[in-house]
């Protein structure tokens, strides 16, 4: 009788809204994983053909793999919290999900910063000796920068496994088993620690991103102005490429800001996990990497050309 009561409670907890949210997040994650799998597959094929990858392709492949893992984690987390709350709200499991969330998101931020640094050094034109030195050394330095990004993200995620969250279940069912549900589980969060960890980690990566993006935007804008003064009223393909690059960088900046605000809202547990605000933040956090990856594909000639071929082939097969 006790087991039946427990099953009834679990079934009652899984509402229609929970199923709808689960379907949205799974569909969103599936699309994102497909997009990032495409980037990884293209670069793997290129690696097999050429026996090596350029620094840009290496960064894109690592970034795509990190985002693929993040979306896979989100799908597993949503499924577990919806159907198995008694497992999800175990102290160690809940902390592990939070730690992995920060580790993968922090890695994404650092990889995106590395990509922006690489574009800045390779594309921008400045006469400073340090900048000229970096132009020749950046390809060799990039693997170490990526490794450092992973180690820093791993180190900053460790506090999430220990002292930040404390979980209390406030209800028991008739069989004296805990009635786990987001509405009756209290998650005490050390907001100051979350803000210090996330603020420090994100601010460092975002500062590097902003400096690199600003230098690159300034260089592209200066070059665009020179081309406008030297050309006629119509735009040249080179100038169009520069303008497109500036739009891409600005879009990356906006995506990073929105993603961090939503992630910080989730990690601090300001709202219950079943609240509309928390659900919206989860959808945003899942969508931002996918949107960023789409922009990367459309701004990369090789990836864009391959995607068009794949879509054309799929259309012909129908």
C-alpha atoms as a PDB file:
ATOM      1  CA  UNK A   1       0.000   0.000   0.000  1.00  0.00           C
ATOM      2  CA  UNK A   2       2.869   2.323   0.820  1.00  0.00           C
ATOM      3  CA  UNK A   3       4.506   1.784  -2.598  1.00  0.00           C
ATOM      4  CA  UNK A   4       1.210   2.545  -4.342  1.00  0.00           C
ATOM      5  CA  UNK A   5       0.892   5.775  -2.395  1.00  0.00           C
ATOM      6  CA  UNK A   6       4.401   6.766  -3.419  1.00  0.00           C
ATOM      7  CA  UNK A   7       3.708   6.024  -7.088  1.00  0.00           C
ATOM      8  CA  UNK A   8       0.491   8.021  -6.929  1.00  0.00           C
ATOM      9  CA  UNK A   9       2.324  10.985  -5.471  1.00  0.00           C
ATOM     10  CA  UNK A  10       4.966  10.876  -8.207  1.00  0.00           C
ATOM     11  CA  UNK A  11       2.351  10.634 -10.953  1.00  0.00           C
ATOM     12  CA  UNK A  12       0.418  13.499  -9.445  1.00  0.00           C
ATOM     13  CA  UNK A  13       3.574  15.637  -9.378  1.00  0.00           C
ATOM     14  CA  UNK A  14       4.109  15.196 -13.125  1.00  0.00           C
ATOM     15  CA  UNK A  15       1.656  17.760 -14.447  1.00  0.00           C
ATOM     16  CA  UNK A  16       0.830  18.644 -18.017  1.00  0.00           C
ATOM     17  CA  UNK A  17       2.929  21.781 -17.730  1.00  0.00           C
ATOM     18  CA  UNK A  18       5.942  19.693 -16.661  1.00  0.00           C
ATOM     19  CA  UNK A  19       5.546  17.471 -19.712  1.00  0.00           C
ATOM     20  CA  UNK A  20       5.241  20.509 -22.011  1.00  0.00           C
ATOM     21  CA  UNK A  21       8.386  22.084 -20.544  1.00  0.00           C
ATOM     22  CA  UNK A  22      10.215  18.760 -20.879  1.00  0.00           C
ATOM     23  CA  UNK A  23       9.203  18.437 -24.538  1.00  0.00           C
ATOM     24  CA  UNK A  24      10.312  22.024 -25.285  1.00  0.00           C
ATOM     25  CA  UNK A  25      13.687  21.547 -23.607  1.00  0.00           C
ATOM     26  CA  UNK A  26      14.284  18.156 -25.240  1.00  0.00           C
ATOM     27  CA  UNK A  27      13.424  19.538 -28.702  1.00  0.00           C
ATOM     28  CA  UNK A  28      15.614  22.568 -28.075  1.00  0.00           C
ATOM     29  CA  UNK A  29      18.476  20.361 -26.887  1.00  0.00           C
ATOM     30  CA  UNK A  30      18.064  18.004 -29.860  1.00  0.00           C
ATOM     31  CA  UNK A  31      18.328  20.877 -32.336  1.00  0.00           C
ATOM     32  CA  UNK A  32      21.329  22.309 -30.489  1.00  0.00           C
ATOM     33  CA  UNK A  33      23.080  18.931 -30.326  1.00  0.00           C
ATOM     34  CA  UNK A  34      22.475  18.408 -34.052  1.00  0.00           C
ATOM     35  CA  UNK A  35      23.959  21.823 -34.857  1.00  0.00           C
ATOM     36  CA  UNK A  36      27.042  21.250 -32.727  1.00  0.00           C
ATOM     37  CA  UNK A  37      27.390  17.669 -33.992  1.00  0.00           C
ATOM     38  CA  UNK A  38      27.460  19.109 -37.504  1.00  0.00           C
ATOM     39  CA  UNK A  39      30.349  21.432 -36.569  1.00  0.00           C
ATOM     40  CA  UNK A  40      32.265  18.560 -34.960  1.00  0.00           C
ATOM     41  CA  UNK A  41      31.619  16.230 -37.920  1.00  0.00           C
ATOM     42  CA  UNK A  42      32.807  18.768 -40.491  1.00  0.00           C
ATOM     43  CA  UNK A  43      36.004  19.392 -38.552  1.00  0.00           C
ATOM     44  CA  UNK A  44      36.602  15.656 -37.991  1.00  0.00           C
ATOM     45  CA  UNK A  45      36.275  15.003 -41.738  1.00  0.00           C
ATOM     46  CA  UNK A  46      38.633  17.910 -42.402  1.00  0.00           C
ATOM     47  CA  UNK A  47      41.107  16.490 -39.880  1.00  0.00           C
ATOM     48  CA  UNK A  48      41.040  13.080 -41.593  1.00  0.00           C
ATOM     49  CA  UNK A  49      41.549  14.644 -45.019  1.00  0.00           C
ATOM     50  CA  UNK A  50      44.250  17.155 -44.083  1.00  0.00           C
ATOM     51  CA  UNK A  51      45.792  15.196 -41.167  1.00  0.00           C
ATOM     52  CA  UNK A  52      45.565  18.380 -39.102  1.00  0.00           C
ATOM     53  CA  UNK A  53      43.235  21.249 -38.235  1.00  0.00           C
ATOM     54  CA  UNK A  54      43.745  24.978 -38.247  1.00  0.00           C
ATOM     55  CA  UNK A  55      43.592  26.828 -34.935  1.00  0.00           C
ATOM     56  CA  UNK A  56      40.170  28.221 -35.819  1.00  0.00           C
ATOM     57  CA  UNK A  57      38.777  24.769 -36.568  1.00  0.00           C
ATOM     58  CA  UNK A  58      40.291  23.411 -33.345  1.00  0.00           C
ATOM     59  CA  UNK A  59      38.560  26.082 -31.284  1.00  0.00           C
ATOM     60  CA  UNK A  60      35.257  25.555 -33.105  1.00  0.00           C
ATOM     61  CA  UNK A  61      35.443  21.787 -32.586  1.00  0.00           C
ATOM     62  CA  UNK A  62      36.211  22.117 -28.867  1.00  0.00           C
ATOM     63  CA  UNK A  63      33.494  24.738 -28.428  1.00  0.00           C
ATOM     64  CA  UNK A  64      30.944  22.575 -30.274  1.00  0.00           C
ATOM     65  CA  UNK A  65      31.829  19.518 -28.177  1.00  0.00           C
ATOM     66  CA  UNK A  66      31.478  21.498 -24.946  1.00  0.00           C
ATOM     67  CA  UNK A  67      28.071  22.802 -26.016  1.00  0.00           C
ATOM     68  CA  UNK A  68      26.957  19.334 -27.073  1.00  0.00           C
ATOM     69  CA  UNK A  69      27.815  18.041 -23.582  1.00  0.00           C
ATOM     70  CA  UNK A  70      26.021  20.989 -21.973  1.00  0.00           C
ATOM     71  CA  UNK A  71      22.799  20.322 -23.901  1.00  0.00           C
ATOM     72  CA  UNK A  72      23.023  16.603 -23.141  1.00  0.00           C
ATOM     73  CA  UNK A  73      23.434  17.414 -19.441  1.00  0.00           C
ATOM     74  CA  UNK A  74      20.415  19.724 -19.534  1.00  0.00           C
ATOM     75  CA  UNK A  75      18.252  17.021 -21.109  1.00  0.00           C
ATOM     76  CA  UNK A  76      19.290  14.499 -18.454  1.00  0.00           C
ATOM     77  CA  UNK A  77      18.771  17.041 -15.669  1.00  0.00           C
ATOM     78  CA  UNK A  78      15.276  17.997 -16.866  1.00  0.00           C
ATOM     79  CA  UNK A  79      14.267  14.345 -17.280  1.00  0.00           C
ATOM     80  CA  UNK A  80      15.575  13.445 -13.824  1.00  0.00           C
ATOM     81  CA  UNK A  81      13.955  16.420 -12.066  1.00  0.00           C
ATOM     82  CA  UNK A  82      10.607  15.697 -13.754  1.00  0.00           C
ATOM     83  CA  UNK A  83      10.296  11.914 -13.357  1.00  0.00           C
ATOM     84  CA  UNK A  84      12.712  11.119 -10.513  1.00  0.00           C
ATOM     85  CA  UNK A  85      12.686  14.068  -8.082  1.00  0.00           C
ATOM     86  CA  UNK A  86      13.609  11.754  -5.192  1.00  0.00           C
ATOM     87  CA  UNK A  87      16.942  11.160  -6.977  1.00  0.00           C
ATOM     88  CA  UNK A  88      17.416  14.657  -8.362  1.00  0.00           C
ATOM     89  CA  UNK A  89      17.011  16.324  -4.956  1.00  0.00           C
ATOM     90  CA  UNK A  90      19.541  14.088  -3.263  1.00  0.00           C
ATOM     91  CA  UNK A  91      22.197  16.417  -1.929  1.00  0.00           C
ATOM     92  CA  UNK A  92      25.100  14.959  -3.915  1.00  0.00           C
ATOM     93  CA  UNK A  93      23.131  14.622  -7.166  1.00  0.00           C
ATOM     94  CA  UNK A  94      21.759  18.166  -7.023  1.00  0.00           C
ATOM     95  CA  UNK A  95      25.207  19.594  -6.323  1.00  0.00           C
ATOM     96  CA  UNK A  96      26.754  17.517  -9.112  1.00  0.00           C
ATOM     97  CA  UNK A  97      24.261  18.864 -11.659  1.00  0.00           C
ATOM     98  CA  UNK A  98      24.956  22.430 -10.531  1.00  0.00           C
ATOM     99  CA  UNK A  99      28.744  21.900 -10.673  1.00  0.00           C
ATOM    100  CA  UNK A 100      28.588  20.385 -14.175  1.00  0.00           C
ATOM    101  CA  UNK A 101      26.297  23.221 -15.283  1.00  0.00           C
ATOM    102  CA  UNK A 102      28.831  25.844 -14.222  1.00  0.00           C
ATOM    103  CA  UNK A 103      31.827  23.875 -15.531  1.00  0.00           C
ATOM    104  CA  UNK A 104      30.389  23.459 -19.035  1.00  0.00           C
ATOM    105  CA  UNK A 105      28.972  26.986 -19.212  1.00  0.00           C
ATOM    106  CA  UNK A 106      32.216  28.493 -17.947  1.00  0.00           C
ATOM    107  CA  UNK A 107      34.159  26.436 -20.485  1.00  0.00           C
ATOM    108  CA  UNK A 108      31.860  27.720 -23.224  1.00  0.00           C
ATOM    109  CA  UNK A 109      32.500  31.294 -22.150  1.00  0.00           C
ATOM    110  CA  UNK A 110      36.270  30.819 -22.114  1.00  0.00           C
ATOM    111  CA  UNK A 111      36.319  28.998 -25.455  1.00  0.00           C
ATOM    112  CA  UNK A 112      34.263  31.806 -27.007  1.00  0.00           C
ATOM    113  CA  UNK A 113      36.725  34.316 -25.534  1.00  0.00           C
ATOM    114  CA  UNK A 114      39.642  32.342 -27.010  1.00  0.00           C
ATOM    115  CA  UNK A 115      37.925  32.350 -30.397  1.00  0.00           C
ATOM    116  CA  UNK A 116      37.437  36.104 -30.224  1.00  0.00           C
ATOM    117  CA  UNK A 117      41.085  36.604 -29.197  1.00  0.00           C
ATOM    118  CA  UNK A 118      42.226  34.480 -32.134  1.00  0.00           C
ATOM    119  CA  UNK A 119      40.054  36.421 -34.608  1.00  0.00           C
ATOM    120  CA  UNK A 120      41.271  39.713 -33.153  1.00  0.00           C
ATOM    121  CA  UNK A 121      44.962  38.806 -33.429  1.00  0.00           C
ATOM    122  CA  UNK A 122      44.646  37.344 -36.910  1.00  0.00           C
ATOM    123  CA  UNK A 123      42.313  39.931 -38.486  1.00  0.00           C
ATOM    124  CA  UNK A 124      42.949  43.246 -36.733  1.00  0.00           C
ATOM    125  CA  UNK A 125      45.854  45.454 -37.815  1.00  0.00           C
ATOM    126  CA  UNK A 126      47.835  47.240 -35.098  1.00  0.00           C
ATOM    127  CA  UNK A 127      51.495  48.211 -35.057  1.00  0.00           C
ATOM    128  CA  UNK A 128      52.161  47.520 -31.370  1.00  0.00           C
ATOM    129  CA  UNK A 129      55.120  45.094 -30.884  1.00  0.00           C
ATOM    130  CA  UNK A 130      53.098  42.834 -28.562  1.00  0.00           C
ATOM    131  CA  UNK A 131      50.325  42.546 -31.126  1.00  0.00           C
ATOM    132  CA  UNK A 132      52.803  41.728 -33.900  1.00  0.00           C
ATOM    133  CA  UNK A 133      54.431  39.081 -31.665  1.00  0.00           C
ATOM    134  CA  UNK A 134      51.045  37.525 -30.956  1.00  0.00           C
ATOM    135  CA  UNK A 135      50.275  37.283 -34.671  1.00  0.00           C
ATOM    136  CA  UNK A 136      53.177  34.845 -35.057  1.00  0.00           C
ATOM    137  CA  UNK A 137      52.681  32.984 -31.764  1.00  0.00           C
ATOM    138  CA  UNK A 138      48.904  32.761 -31.310  1.00  0.00           C
ATOM    139  CA  UNK A 139      48.529  29.436 -33.165  1.00  0.00           C
ATOM    140  CA  UNK A 140      51.064  27.781 -30.861  1.00  0.00           C
ATOM    141  CA  UNK A 141      49.612  29.401 -27.751  1.00  0.00           C
ATOM    142  CA  UNK A 142      45.988  28.492 -28.492  1.00  0.00           C
ATOM    143  CA  UNK A 143      46.105  24.805 -27.342  1.00  0.00           C
ATOM    144  CA  UNK A 144      47.547  25.945 -24.006  1.00  0.00           C
ATOM    145  CA  UNK A 145      44.899  28.647 -23.699  1.00  0.00           C
ATOM    146  CA  UNK A 146      42.159  26.061 -24.300  1.00  0.00           C
ATOM    147  CA  UNK A 147      43.696  23.717 -21.715  1.00  0.00           C
ATOM    148  CA  UNK A 148      43.962  26.586 -19.235  1.00  0.00           C
ATOM    149  CA  UNK A 149      40.297  27.417 -19.842  1.00  0.00           C
ATOM    150  CA  UNK A 150      39.259  23.849 -18.998  1.00  0.00           C
ATOM    151  CA  UNK A 151      41.395  23.750 -15.834  1.00  0.00           C
ATOM    152  CA  UNK A 152      40.133  27.137 -14.626  1.00  0.00           C
ATOM    153  CA  UNK A 153      36.508  26.129 -15.238  1.00  0.00           C
ATOM    154  CA  UNK A 154      37.057  22.832 -13.433  1.00  0.00           C
ATOM    155  CA  UNK A 155      38.663  24.566 -10.456  1.00  0.00           C
ATOM    156  CA  UNK A 156      35.897  27.188 -10.211  1.00  0.00           C
ATOM    157  CA  UNK A 157      33.177  24.495 -10.309  1.00  0.00           C
ATOM    158  CA  UNK A 158      34.523  22.593  -7.263  1.00  0.00           C
ATOM    159  CA  UNK A 159      32.791  24.827  -4.660  1.00  0.00           C
ATOM    160  CA  UNK A 160      29.429  23.806  -6.130  1.00  0.00           C
ATOM    161  CA  UNK A 161      30.122  20.263  -4.886  1.00  0.00           C
ATOM    162  CA  UNK A 162      30.537  21.251  -1.269  1.00  0.00           C
ATOM    163  CA  UNK A 163      29.287  24.308   0.547  1.00  0.00           C
ATOM    164  CA  UNK A 164      26.909  26.298  -1.643  1.00  0.00           C
ATOM    165  CA  UNK A 165      23.636  24.328  -1.491  1.00  0.00           C
ATOM    166  CA  UNK A 166      21.694  22.803   1.396  1.00  0.00           C
ATOM    167  CA  UNK A 167      18.539  20.834   0.591  1.00  0.00           C
ATOM    168  CA  UNK A 168      15.636  20.147   2.954  1.00  0.00           C
ATOM    169  CA  UNK A 169      12.451  18.239   2.158  1.00  0.00           C
ATOM    170  CA  UNK A 170       9.514  19.691   4.110  1.00  0.00           C
ATOM    171  CA  UNK A 171       6.945  16.928   3.600  1.00  0.00           C
ATOM    172  CA  UNK A 172       6.501  13.193   4.103  1.00  0.00           C
ATOM    173  CA  UNK A 173       3.825  10.968   2.566  1.00  0.00           C
ATOM    174  CA  UNK A 174       1.744   8.396   4.426  1.00  0.00           C
ATOM    175  CA  UNK A 175       4.384   5.684   4.019  1.00  0.00           C
ATOM    176  CA  UNK A 176       6.900   7.893   5.862  1.00  0.00           C
ATOM    177  CA  UNK A 177       8.870   8.448   2.684  1.00  0.00           C
ATOM    178  CA  UNK A 178       9.920  11.911   1.632  1.00  0.00           C
ATOM    179  CA  UNK A 179       7.479  13.544  -0.769  1.00  0.00           C
ATOM    180  CA  UNK A 180       9.996  15.100  -3.164  1.00  0.00           C
ATOM    181  CA  UNK A 181       8.570  17.895  -5.216  1.00  0.00           C
ATOM    182  CA  UNK A 182       9.976  21.279  -6.246  1.00  0.00           C
ATOM    183  CA  UNK A 183       7.177  22.927  -4.275  1.00  0.00           C
ATOM    184  CA  UNK A 184       8.061  21.314  -0.944  1.00  0.00           C
ATOM    185  CA  UNK A 185      11.842  21.104  -1.266  1.00  0.00           C
ATOM    186  CA  UNK A 186      13.783  24.000   0.211  1.00  0.00           C
ATOM    187  CA  UNK A 187      17.142  24.727  -1.398  1.00  0.00           C
ATOM    188  CA  UNK A 188      19.224  27.070   0.732  1.00  0.00           C
ATOM    189  CA  UNK A 189      21.795  28.813  -1.443  1.00  0.00           C
ATOM    190  CA  UNK A 190      24.860  30.778  -0.460  1.00  0.00           C
ATOM    191  CA  UNK A 191      24.183  33.592  -2.898  1.00  0.00           C
ATOM    192  CA  UNK A 192      27.375  35.432  -1.985  1.00  0.00           C
ATOM    193  CA  UNK A 193      29.509  32.425  -2.953  1.00  0.00           C
ATOM    194  CA  UNK A 194      27.634  31.920  -6.220  1.00  0.00           C
ATOM    195  CA  UNK A 195      28.042  35.588  -7.096  1.00  0.00           C
ATOM    196  CA  UNK A 196      31.742  35.595  -6.215  1.00  0.00           C
ATOM    197  CA  UNK A 197      32.495  32.422  -8.217  1.00  0.00           C
ATOM    198  CA  UNK A 198      30.325  33.257 -11.221  1.00  0.00           C
ATOM    199  CA  UNK A 199      31.219  36.921 -11.115  1.00  0.00           C
ATOM    200  CA  UNK A 200      34.948  36.265 -11.028  1.00  0.00           C
ATOM    201  CA  UNK A 201      34.917  33.514 -13.635  1.00  0.00           C
ATOM    202  CA  UNK A 202      32.574  35.253 -16.017  1.00  0.00           C
ATOM    203  CA  UNK A 203      34.080  38.716 -15.579  1.00  0.00           C
ATOM    204  CA  UNK A 204      37.549  37.461 -16.504  1.00  0.00           C
ATOM    205  CA  UNK A 205      36.358  35.659 -19.641  1.00  0.00           C
ATOM    206  CA  UNK A 206      33.976  38.466 -20.550  1.00  0.00           C
ATOM    207  CA  UNK A 207      36.654  41.140 -20.034  1.00  0.00           C
ATOM    208  CA  UNK A 208      38.984  39.296 -22.409  1.00  0.00           C
ATOM    209  CA  UNK A 209      36.115  38.911 -24.852  1.00  0.00           C
ATOM    210  CA  UNK A 210      35.188  42.608 -24.643  1.00  0.00           C
ATOM    211  CA  UNK A 211      38.769  43.821 -25.110  1.00  0.00           C
ATOM    212  CA  UNK A 212      39.339  41.531 -28.084  1.00  0.00           C
ATOM    213  CA  UNK A 213      35.959  42.328 -29.641  1.00  0.00           C
ATOM    214  CA  UNK A 214      36.451  46.075 -29.143  1.00  0.00           C
ATOM    215  CA  UNK A 215      39.898  46.017 -30.758  1.00  0.00           C
ATOM    216  CA  UNK A 216      38.601  43.925 -33.631  1.00  0.00           C
ATOM    217  CA  UNK A 217      35.545  46.136 -34.114  1.00  0.00           C
ATOM    218  CA  UNK A 218      37.713  49.252 -34.098  1.00  0.00           C
ATOM    219  CA  UNK A 219      40.120  47.759 -36.635  1.00  0.00           C
ATOM    220  CA  UNK A 220      37.280  46.589 -38.903  1.00  0.00           C
ATOM    221  CA  UNK A 221      35.473  49.938 -38.594  1.00  0.00           C
ATOM    222  CA  UNK A 222      38.668  51.834 -39.443  1.00  0.00           C
ATOM    223  CA  UNK A 223      39.308  49.610 -42.442  1.00  0.00           C
ATOM    224  CA  UNK A 224      35.678  49.938 -43.573  1.00  0.00           C
ATOM    225  CA  UNK A 225      35.889  53.726 -43.390  1.00  0.00           C
ATOM    226  CA  UNK A 226      39.033  53.666 -45.524  1.00  0.00           C
ATOM    227  CA  UNK A 227      37.353  51.472 -48.127  1.00  0.00           C
ATOM    228  CA  UNK A 228      34.274  53.718 -48.194  1.00  0.00           C
ATOM    229  CA  UNK A 229      36.457  56.774 -48.809  1.00  0.00           C
ATOM    230  CA  UNK A 230      38.396  55.025 -51.570  1.00  0.00           C
ATOM    231  CA  UNK A 231      35.459  53.350 -53.332  1.00  0.00           C
ATOM    232  CA  UNK A 232      32.373  54.502 -55.166  1.00  0.00           C
ATOM    233  CA  UNK A 233      28.832  54.491 -53.837  1.00  0.00           C
ATOM    234  CA  UNK A 234      28.402  50.708 -54.095  1.00  0.00           C
ATOM    235  CA  UNK A 235      29.806  48.359 -51.474  1.00  0.00           C
ATOM    236  CA  UNK A 236      32.652  46.026 -52.348  1.00  0.00           C
ATOM    237  CA  UNK A 237      32.560  42.332 -51.279  1.00  0.00           C
ATOM    238  CA  UNK A 238      35.444  42.994 -48.884  1.00  0.00           C
ATOM    239  CA  UNK A 239      33.558  45.804 -47.158  1.00  0.00           C
ATOM    240  CA  UNK A 240      30.434  43.637 -46.937  1.00  0.00           C
ATOM    241  CA  UNK A 241      32.521  40.954 -45.248  1.00  0.00           C
ATOM    242  CA  UNK A 242      33.848  43.471 -42.723  1.00  0.00           C
ATOM    243  CA  UNK A 243      30.355  44.742 -41.929  1.00  0.00           C
ATOM    244  CA  UNK A 244      29.097  41.168 -41.523  1.00  0.00           C
ATOM    245  CA  UNK A 245      32.001  40.424 -39.166  1.00  0.00           C
ATOM    246  CA  UNK A 246      31.107  43.444 -37.013  1.00  0.00           C
ATOM    247  CA  UNK A 247      27.459  42.332 -36.822  1.00  0.00           C
ATOM    248  CA  UNK A 248      28.589  38.845 -35.788  1.00  0.00           C
ATOM    249  CA  UNK A 249      30.783  40.175 -32.978  1.00  0.00           C
ATOM    250  CA  UNK A 250      28.006  42.403 -31.642  1.00  0.00           C
ATOM    251  CA  UNK A 251      25.594  39.439 -31.685  1.00  0.00           C
ATOM    252  CA  UNK A 252      28.124  37.368 -29.709  1.00  0.00           C
ATOM    253  CA  UNK A 253      28.326  40.146 -27.133  1.00  0.00           C
ATOM    254  CA  UNK A 254      24.534  40.296 -26.679  1.00  0.00           C
ATOM    255  CA  UNK A 255      24.229  36.490 -26.468  1.00  0.00           C
ATOM    256  CA  UNK A 256      26.890  36.329 -23.751  1.00  0.00           C
ATOM    257  CA  UNK A 257      25.146  38.985 -21.653  1.00  0.00           C
ATOM    258  CA  UNK A 258      21.703  37.332 -21.879  1.00  0.00           C
ATOM    259  CA  UNK A 259      23.140  33.871 -21.225  1.00  0.00           C
ATOM    260  CA  UNK A 260      25.020  34.958 -18.100  1.00  0.00           C
ATOM    261  CA  UNK A 261      22.020  36.752 -16.569  1.00  0.00           C
ATOM    262  CA  UNK A 262      19.816  33.686 -17.103  1.00  0.00           C
ATOM    263  CA  UNK A 263      22.476  31.300 -15.773  1.00  0.00           C
ATOM    264  CA  UNK A 264      23.080  33.411 -12.667  1.00  0.00           C
ATOM    265  CA  UNK A 265      19.331  33.435 -11.981  1.00  0.00           C
ATOM    266  CA  UNK A 266      19.264  29.623 -12.111  1.00  0.00           C
ATOM    267  CA  UNK A 267      22.363  29.036  -9.973  1.00  0.00           C
ATOM    268  CA  UNK A 268      21.247  31.409  -7.203  1.00  0.00           C
ATOM    269  CA  UNK A 269      17.810  29.696  -6.988  1.00  0.00           C
ATOM    270  CA  UNK A 270      16.003  33.016  -6.728  1.00  0.00           C
ATOM    271  CA  UNK A 271      12.918  31.305  -8.142  1.00  0.00           C
ATOM    272  CA  UNK A 272      11.602  27.760  -7.695  1.00  0.00           C
ATOM    273  CA  UNK A 273      12.527  25.402 -10.508  1.00  0.00           C
ATOM    274  CA  UNK A 274       8.874  25.045 -11.535  1.00  0.00           C
ATOM    275  CA  UNK A 275       8.238  28.801 -11.666  1.00  0.00           C
ATOM    276  CA  UNK A 276       7.750  30.488 -15.075  1.00  0.00           C
ATOM    277  CA  UNK A 277      10.825  32.673 -14.507  1.00  0.00           C
ATOM    278  CA  UNK A 278      13.056  29.669 -13.799  1.00  0.00           C
ATOM    279  CA  UNK A 279      11.678  27.761 -16.785  1.00  0.00           C
ATOM    280  CA  UNK A 280      12.240  30.778 -19.039  1.00  0.00           C
ATOM    281  CA  UNK A 281      15.846  31.080 -17.806  1.00  0.00           C
ATOM    282  CA  UNK A 282      16.422  27.376 -18.476  1.00  0.00           C
ATOM    283  CA  UNK A 283      15.117  27.746 -22.029  1.00  0.00           C
ATOM    284  CA  UNK A 284      17.327  30.821 -22.573  1.00  0.00           C
ATOM    285  CA  UNK A 285      20.447  29.111 -21.192  1.00  0.00           C
ATOM    286  CA  UNK A 286      19.835  26.167 -23.528  1.00  0.00           C
ATOM    287  CA  UNK A 287      19.048  28.356 -26.538  1.00  0.00           C
ATOM    288  CA  UNK A 288      22.012  30.754 -26.342  1.00  0.00           C
ATOM    289  CA  UNK A 289      24.756  28.207 -27.214  1.00  0.00           C
ATOM    290  CA  UNK A 290      22.693  26.912 -30.142  1.00  0.00           C
ATOM    291  CA  UNK A 291      22.045  30.418 -31.468  1.00  0.00           C
ATOM    292  CA  UNK A 292      25.754  31.208 -31.120  1.00  0.00           C
ATOM    293  CA  UNK A 293      26.636  28.021 -33.012  1.00  0.00           C
ATOM    294  CA  UNK A 294      24.210  28.905 -35.814  1.00  0.00           C
ATOM    295  CA  UNK A 295      25.859  32.316 -36.164  1.00  0.00           C
ATOM    296  CA  UNK A 296      29.280  30.634 -36.236  1.00  0.00           C
ATOM    297  CA  UNK A 297      28.135  28.343 -39.048  1.00  0.00           C
ATOM    298  CA  UNK A 298      26.667  31.182 -41.099  1.00  0.00           C
ATOM    299  CA  UNK A 299      29.784  33.345 -40.602  1.00  0.00           C
ATOM    300  CA  UNK A 300      32.203  30.533 -41.504  1.00  0.00           C
ATOM    301  CA  UNK A 301      32.436  29.975 -45.294  1.00  0.00           C
ATOM    302  CA  UNK A 302      33.447  26.315 -45.018  1.00  0.00           C
ATOM    303  CA  UNK A 303      30.717  25.403 -42.523  1.00  0.00           C
ATOM    304  CA  UNK A 304      28.098  27.408 -44.402  1.00  0.00           C
ATOM    305  CA  UNK A 305      28.991  25.776 -47.736  1.00  0.00           C
ATOM    306  CA  UNK A 306      28.875  22.295 -46.196  1.00  0.00           C
ATOM    307  CA  UNK A 307      25.530  23.002 -44.522  1.00  0.00           C
ATOM    308  CA  UNK A 308      24.035  24.117 -47.841  1.00  0.00           C
ATOM    309  CA  UNK A 309      25.273  20.897 -49.452  1.00  0.00           C
ATOM    310  CA  UNK A 310      23.798  18.777 -46.652  1.00  0.00           C
ATOM    311  CA  UNK A 311      20.427  20.539 -46.841  1.00  0.00           C
ATOM    312  CA  UNK A 312      20.403  20.255 -50.638  1.00  0.00           C
ATOM    313  CA  UNK A 313      21.224  16.540 -50.421  1.00  0.00           C
ATOM    314  CA  UNK A 314      18.480  15.983 -47.829  1.00  0.00           C
ATOM    315  CA  UNK A 315      15.996  17.856 -50.009  1.00  0.00           C
ATOM    316  CA  UNK A 316      16.896  15.789 -53.083  1.00  0.00           C
ATOM    317  CA  UNK A 317      16.501  12.550 -51.112  1.00  0.00           C
ATOM    318  CA  UNK A 318      12.896  13.460 -50.432  1.00  0.00           C
END
